[in-house]
Amino acid sequence: MKKYILFGVVAGVTISALAIFFRRRALNGLEFNGFFDSSTVADDLFGDAFEELPDQP
């Protein structure tokens, strides 16, 4: 009975680790997809947030 419990725990941890690994691998590089896309314009993202900053002399 003890070996079945141990096998279940080991199998559960292994499957969870593999699922997390493959999910991170599949989503790698998509954090900023659509936000910092090359088609985005800075004015759409930030508006006039930087217009009040003085220019550096």
N, C-alpha and C. Protein backbone atom coordinates (compact mmCIF):
# COMPACT_ATOMS: atom_id res chain seq x y z
N MET A 1 0.82 -1.19 0.00
CA MET A 1 0.00 0.00 0.00
C MET A 1 0.87 1.27 0.00
N LYS A 2 1.95 1.23 0.76
CA LYS A 2 2.83 2.38 0.85
C LYS A 2 3.49 2.69 -0.49
N LYS A 3 3.82 1.64 -1.25
CA LYS A 3 4.48 1.87 -2.53
C LYS A 3 3.52 2.51 -3.54
N TYR A 4 2.22 2.22 -3.45
CA TYR A 4 1.26 2.84 -4.35
C TYR A 4 1.09 4.33 -4.05
N ILE A 5 1.10 4.67 -2.78
CA ILE A 5 1.01 6.08 -2.40
C ILE A 5 2.26 6.83 -2.86
N LEU A 6 3.41 6.23 -2.64
CA LEU A 6 4.66 6.85 -3.08
C LEU A 6 4.71 6.98 -4.59
N PHE A 7 4.25 5.95 -5.30
CA PHE A 7 4.21 6.01 -6.76
C PHE A 7 3.26 7.11 -7.23
N GLY A 8 2.13 7.26 -6.60
CA GLY A 8 1.18 8.31 -6.97
C GLY A 8 1.74 9.70 -6.75
N VAL A 9 2.43 9.89 -5.65
CA VAL A 9 3.03 11.20 -5.36
C VAL A 9 4.12 11.51 -6.38
N VAL A 10 4.98 10.54 -6.66
CA VAL A 10 6.06 10.75 -7.62
C VAL A 10 5.50 11.00 -9.02
N ALA A 11 4.49 10.24 -9.40
CA ALA A 11 3.88 10.43 -10.72
C ALA A 11 3.20 11.79 -10.82
N GLY A 12 2.52 12.21 -9.77
CA GLY A 12 1.86 13.51 -9.78
C GLY A 12 2.84 14.66 -9.89
N VAL A 13 3.91 14.58 -9.14
CA VAL A 13 4.93 15.64 -9.19
C VAL A 13 5.60 15.66 -10.56
N THR A 14 5.87 14.49 -11.11
CA THR A 14 6.52 14.42 -12.43
C THR A 14 5.62 14.99 -13.52
N ILE A 15 4.35 14.62 -13.50
CA ILE A 15 3.42 15.12 -14.52
C ILE A 15 3.23 16.63 -14.37
N SER A 16 3.15 17.12 -13.15
CA SER A 16 3.01 18.57 -12.94
C SER A 16 4.25 19.32 -13.43
N ALA A 17 5.43 18.78 -13.14
CA ALA A 17 6.66 19.43 -13.58
C ALA A 17 6.75 19.44 -15.11
N LEU A 18 6.39 18.34 -15.74
CA LEU A 18 6.42 18.30 -17.20
C LEU A 18 5.41 19.26 -17.80
N ALA A 19 4.23 19.34 -17.22
CA ALA A 19 3.21 20.26 -17.73
C ALA A 19 3.67 21.71 -17.62
N ILE A 20 4.26 22.07 -16.49
CA ILE A 20 4.76 23.43 -16.32
C ILE A 20 5.90 23.71 -17.29
N PHE A 21 6.80 22.75 -17.46
CA PHE A 21 7.93 22.93 -18.37
C PHE A 21 7.47 23.15 -19.80
N PHE A 22 6.55 22.29 -20.29
CA PHE A 22 6.11 22.42 -21.67
C PHE A 22 5.23 23.64 -21.87
N ARG A 23 4.49 24.06 -20.85
CA ARG A 23 3.69 25.27 -20.98
C ARG A 23 4.59 26.50 -21.06
N ARG A 24 5.61 26.56 -20.22
CA ARG A 24 6.55 27.69 -20.30
C ARG A 24 7.30 27.69 -21.62
N ARG A 25 7.62 26.52 -22.10
CA ARG A 25 8.34 26.42 -23.38
C ARG A 25 7.46 26.89 -24.53
N ALA A 26 6.17 26.56 -24.47
CA ALA A 26 5.25 26.97 -25.53
C ALA A 26 4.97 28.46 -25.49
N LEU A 27 4.96 29.04 -24.29
CA LEU A 27 4.65 30.46 -24.15
C LEU A 27 5.88 31.34 -24.12
N ASN A 28 7.05 30.78 -24.33
CA ASN A 28 8.29 31.54 -24.24
C ASN A 28 8.33 32.61 -25.32
N GLY A 29 8.55 33.84 -24.91
CA GLY A 29 8.65 34.94 -25.85
C GLY A 29 7.35 35.62 -26.18
N LEU A 30 6.24 35.19 -25.59
CA LEU A 30 4.95 35.78 -25.91
C LEU A 30 4.50 36.79 -24.85
N GLU A 31 5.36 37.13 -23.88
CA GLU A 31 4.93 38.02 -22.82
C GLU A 31 4.51 39.38 -23.35
N PHE A 32 5.29 39.91 -24.30
CA PHE A 32 5.04 41.25 -24.80
C PHE A 32 4.46 41.21 -26.21
N ASN A 33 3.96 40.09 -26.62
CA ASN A 33 3.40 39.97 -27.96
C ASN A 33 2.17 40.86 -28.07
N GLY A 34 2.18 41.77 -29.03
CA GLY A 34 1.07 42.68 -29.22
C GLY A 34 1.24 43.99 -28.48
N PHE A 35 2.05 44.03 -27.44
CA PHE A 35 2.26 45.27 -26.71
C PHE A 35 3.43 46.04 -27.30
N PHE A 36 4.55 45.38 -27.47
CA PHE A 36 5.71 46.00 -28.09
C PHE A 36 5.90 45.45 -29.49
N ASP A 37 4.83 45.30 -30.20
CA ASP A 37 4.88 44.84 -31.57
C ASP A 37 5.45 45.97 -32.43
N SER A 38 6.02 45.61 -33.55
CA SER A 38 6.62 46.64 -34.41
C SER A 38 5.57 47.55 -35.02
N SER A 39 4.32 47.12 -35.04
CA SER A 39 3.27 47.95 -35.62
C SER A 39 2.67 48.94 -34.62
N THR A 40 3.05 48.82 -33.35
CA THR A 40 2.49 49.74 -32.36
C THR A 40 3.19 51.08 -32.44
N VAL A 41 2.44 52.10 -32.21
CA VAL A 41 2.97 53.46 -32.24
C VAL A 41 3.12 53.92 -30.79
N ALA A 42 4.20 54.64 -30.51
CA ALA A 42 4.47 55.07 -29.14
C ALA A 42 3.37 55.98 -28.60
N ASP A 43 2.77 56.78 -29.46
CA ASP A 43 1.70 57.66 -28.99
C ASP A 43 0.47 56.87 -28.54
N ASP A 44 0.22 55.75 -29.18
CA ASP A 44 -0.91 54.92 -28.76
C ASP A 44 -0.66 54.29 -27.40
N LEU A 45 0.60 53.96 -27.13
CA LEU A 45 0.93 53.33 -25.85
C LEU A 45 1.00 54.33 -24.71
N PHE A 46 1.69 55.44 -24.93
CA PHE A 46 2.00 56.36 -23.84
C PHE A 46 1.24 57.67 -23.90
N GLY A 47 0.60 57.95 -25.02
CA GLY A 47 -0.13 59.21 -25.14
C GLY A 47 0.81 60.40 -25.05
N ASP A 48 0.43 61.39 -24.25
CA ASP A 48 1.27 62.58 -24.10
C ASP A 48 2.03 62.56 -22.78
N ALA A 49 2.36 61.39 -22.29
CA ALA A 49 3.02 61.26 -20.99
C ALA A 49 4.42 61.86 -20.99
N PHE A 50 5.09 61.83 -22.13
CA PHE A 50 6.46 62.32 -22.18
C PHE A 50 6.58 63.71 -22.80
N GLU A 51 5.48 64.33 -23.14
CA GLU A 51 5.55 65.65 -23.76
C GLU A 51 5.87 66.74 -22.74
N GLU A 52 5.59 66.50 -21.47
CA GLU A 52 5.85 67.52 -20.46
C GLU A 52 7.28 67.47 -19.94
N LEU A 53 8.04 66.47 -20.32
CA LEU A 53 9.43 66.39 -19.88
C LEU A 53 10.27 67.38 -20.68
N PRO A 54 11.13 68.14 -20.01
CA PRO A 54 11.98 69.08 -20.75
C PRO A 54 13.07 68.33 -21.51
N ASP A 55 13.48 68.93 -22.60
CA ASP A 55 14.57 68.34 -23.38
C ASP A 55 15.88 68.52 -22.62
N GLN A 56 16.78 67.59 -22.83
CA GLN A 56 18.09 67.68 -22.19
C GLN A 56 18.91 68.74 -22.91
N PRO A 57 19.61 69.62 -22.17
CA PRO A 57 20.41 70.67 -22.84
C PRO A 57 21.65 70.10 -23.49
